[in-house]
Amino acid sequence: MEKIFFEYTDLEDQYAIESAWADKKGEYYVLRNILFYARGYSWGDTVSVENRNGELYVVDLIEESGHTTIRVIFYDVEIAKDTAEQLITMGCSYEGSNIATLISVDVPQDVDYRPIKLFLDEGEMNEVWSYEEACLAHELDT
């Protein structure tokens, strides 16, 4: 695997960079991390990169994987692990960040997103956490 870099604008409208691991596939790279900050990319997406002084920067999304990326920030660190375990039972995976109350969740393409969204909405409504759909590939009927 190789490290690739995503450029994005943070909440304060400042330039920022997030790194992730990816597998080389021909001339492209397949993302093998769940991103925390850069929006619009999910696990398994295929991206193109450009080499800038030996570092690989993402310049384009070539193919979407069909995965959805969700970021969850907890108001109480004590519930983060149990909630992440609950999301695993629903078919998701997650990565913890350097911030104890922040996780990034991957919803695979073949997992029904409706019960996950209901679960996340309920926790947000009860002010247990806040969440963001950072890269939404699943479509819900409204």
Protein backbone atom coordinates (compact mmCIF):
# COMPACT_ATOMS: atom_id res chain seq x y z
CA MET A 1 0.00 0.00 0.00
CA GLU A 2 1.02 3.57 -0.57
CA LYS A 3 0.13 6.78 1.22
CA ILE A 4 -1.95 9.26 -0.76
CA PHE A 5 -2.99 12.79 0.21
CA PHE A 6 -6.36 14.52 -0.02
CA GLU A 7 -6.56 18.31 -0.03
CA TYR A 8 -9.66 19.90 1.51
CA THR A 9 -10.95 23.02 3.22
CA ASP A 10 -11.62 22.61 6.96
CA LEU A 11 -14.49 24.04 9.03
CA GLU A 12 -12.67 27.36 9.36
CA ASP A 13 -12.23 27.54 5.57
CA GLN A 14 -8.51 26.79 5.89
CA TYR A 15 -6.49 24.60 3.52
CA ALA A 16 -5.80 21.17 5.01
CA ILE A 17 -4.47 17.75 4.00
CA GLU A 18 -5.54 14.26 5.06
CA SER A 19 -3.50 11.17 4.28
CA ALA A 20 -4.80 7.66 3.66
CA TRP A 21 -3.57 4.29 2.46
CA ALA A 22 -4.35 3.04 -1.02
CA ASP A 23 -3.55 0.10 -3.27
CA LYS A 24 -2.11 0.81 -6.70
CA LYS A 25 -4.34 -0.50 -9.49
CA GLY A 26 -2.83 0.17 -12.89
CA GLU A 27 -2.36 3.92 -13.14
CA TYR A 28 -4.89 4.60 -10.35
CA TYR A 29 -5.21 4.02 -6.61
CA VAL A 30 -7.96 2.32 -4.60
CA LEU A 31 -8.66 3.92 -1.20
CA ARG A 32 -8.17 1.55 1.76
CA ASN A 33 -9.02 3.88 4.66
CA ILE A 34 -12.18 5.56 5.84
CA LEU A 35 -11.51 9.29 5.66
CA PHE A 36 -12.18 11.61 8.60
CA TYR A 37 -12.03 15.07 7.10
CA ALA A 38 -11.87 15.14 3.29
CA ARG A 39 -15.37 14.92 1.84
CA GLY A 40 -16.60 13.12 -1.24
CA TYR A 41 -14.56 9.91 -1.04
CA SER A 42 -15.26 6.48 0.45
CA TRP A 43 -13.53 3.18 1.10
CA GLY A 44 -12.77 1.42 -2.17
CA ASP A 45 -13.11 4.48 -4.42
CA THR A 46 -10.64 4.59 -7.31
CA VAL A 47 -8.76 7.88 -7.64
CA SER A 48 -6.09 9.41 -9.84
CA VAL A 49 -3.10 11.12 -8.30
CA GLU A 50 -0.28 13.40 -9.28
CA ASN A 51 3.22 13.16 -7.92
CA ARG A 52 4.34 16.33 -6.16
CA ASN A 53 7.93 16.03 -5.01
CA GLY A 54 7.53 12.34 -4.19
CA GLU A 55 4.10 12.60 -2.54
CA LEU A 56 0.91 11.41 -4.24
CA TYR A 57 -1.96 13.94 -4.20
CA VAL A 58 -5.47 12.95 -5.25
CA VAL A 59 -6.64 14.98 -8.24
CA ASP A 60 -9.77 13.15 -9.41
CA LEU A 61 -12.35 10.52 -8.51
CA ILE A 62 -12.24 7.86 -11.24
CA GLU A 63 -14.77 5.32 -9.96
CA GLU A 64 -17.04 5.28 -6.92
CA SER A 65 -17.11 2.10 -4.87
CA GLY A 66 -20.74 2.47 -3.79
CA HIS A 67 -19.73 2.80 -0.14
CA THR A 68 -21.01 5.58 2.12
CA THR A 69 -18.80 7.42 4.63
CA ILE A 70 -20.28 8.83 7.82
CA ARG A 71 -18.54 10.81 10.55
CA VAL A 72 -19.89 10.60 14.08
CA ILE A 73 -18.87 12.92 16.90
CA PHE A 74 -19.96 11.85 20.37
CA TYR A 75 -20.88 14.20 23.21
CA ASP A 76 -19.69 11.57 25.72
CA VAL A 77 -16.61 9.48 24.95
CA GLU A 78 -17.98 6.64 27.10
CA ILE A 79 -20.57 5.64 24.48
CA ALA A 80 -18.31 5.76 21.43
CA LYS A 81 -17.09 2.15 21.61
CA ASP A 82 -20.54 0.63 22.25
CA THR A 83 -22.04 2.68 19.42
CA ALA A 84 -19.26 1.63 17.04
CA GLU A 85 -19.88 -2.01 18.01
CA GLN A 86 -23.60 -1.53 17.29
CA LEU A 87 -22.75 -0.16 13.84
CA ILE A 88 -20.60 -3.24 13.20
CA THR A 89 -23.60 -5.48 13.95
CA MET A 90 -25.49 -3.47 11.31
CA GLY A 91 -22.84 -4.34 8.69
CA CYS A 92 -20.58 -1.30 8.95
CA SER A 93 -16.92 -0.92 9.82
CA TYR A 94 -15.25 2.05 11.46
CA GLU A 95 -11.97 3.71 12.26
CA GLY A 96 -11.19 5.72 15.37
CA SER A 97 -9.40 9.03 15.02
CA ASN A 98 -6.86 10.94 17.05
CA ILE A 99 -9.90 12.61 18.64
CA ALA A 100 -11.43 10.14 21.14
CA THR A 101 -14.98 11.26 20.40
CA LEU A 102 -14.74 11.02 16.58
CA ILE A 103 -15.18 7.92 14.44
CA SER A 104 -15.49 7.49 10.71
CA VAL A 105 -17.92 4.81 9.54
CA ASP A 106 -17.98 2.84 6.29
CA VAL A 107 -21.33 1.52 5.03
CA PRO A 108 -20.65 -1.06 2.30
CA GLN A 109 -22.65 -0.96 -0.90
CA ASP A 110 -24.62 -4.13 -0.08
CA VAL A 111 -25.75 -2.97 3.39
CA ASP A 112 -29.22 -1.45 3.78
CA TYR A 113 -28.61 2.14 4.85
CA ARG A 114 -32.16 2.84 6.12
CA PRO A 115 -31.82 1.24 9.59
CA ILE A 116 -28.38 2.82 10.00
CA LYS A 117 -29.76 6.27 9.19
CA LEU A 118 -32.68 5.76 11.58
CA PHE A 119 -30.22 4.73 14.32
CA LEU A 120 -28.02 7.76 13.66
CA ASP A 121 -31.01 10.12 13.50
CA GLU A 122 -32.30 8.81 16.83
CA GLY A 123 -28.93 9.35 18.54
CA GLU A 124 -28.72 12.85 17.10
CA MET A 125 -32.29 13.66 18.15
CA ASN A 126 -31.47 12.46 21.69
CA GLU A 127 -28.32 14.64 21.66
CA VAL A 128 -26.02 11.66 22.14
CA TRP A 129 -23.99 12.43 19.01
CA SER A 130 -23.96 14.44 15.84
CA TYR A 131 -23.22 12.89 12.48
CA GLU A 132 -22.42 13.90 8.93
CA GLU A 133 -22.82 11.99 5.68
CA ALA A 134 -19.41 12.86 4.27
CA CYS A 135 -19.85 10.77 1.11
CA LEU A 136 -23.34 9.44 0.47
CA ALA A 137 -23.57 6.66 -2.11
CA HIS A 138 -26.73 4.99 -0.77
CA GLU A 139 -30.01 6.34 -2.06
CA LEU A 140 -33.05 6.38 0.17
CA ASP A 141 -36.61 6.45 -1.03
CA THR A 142 -38.35 9.45 0.46
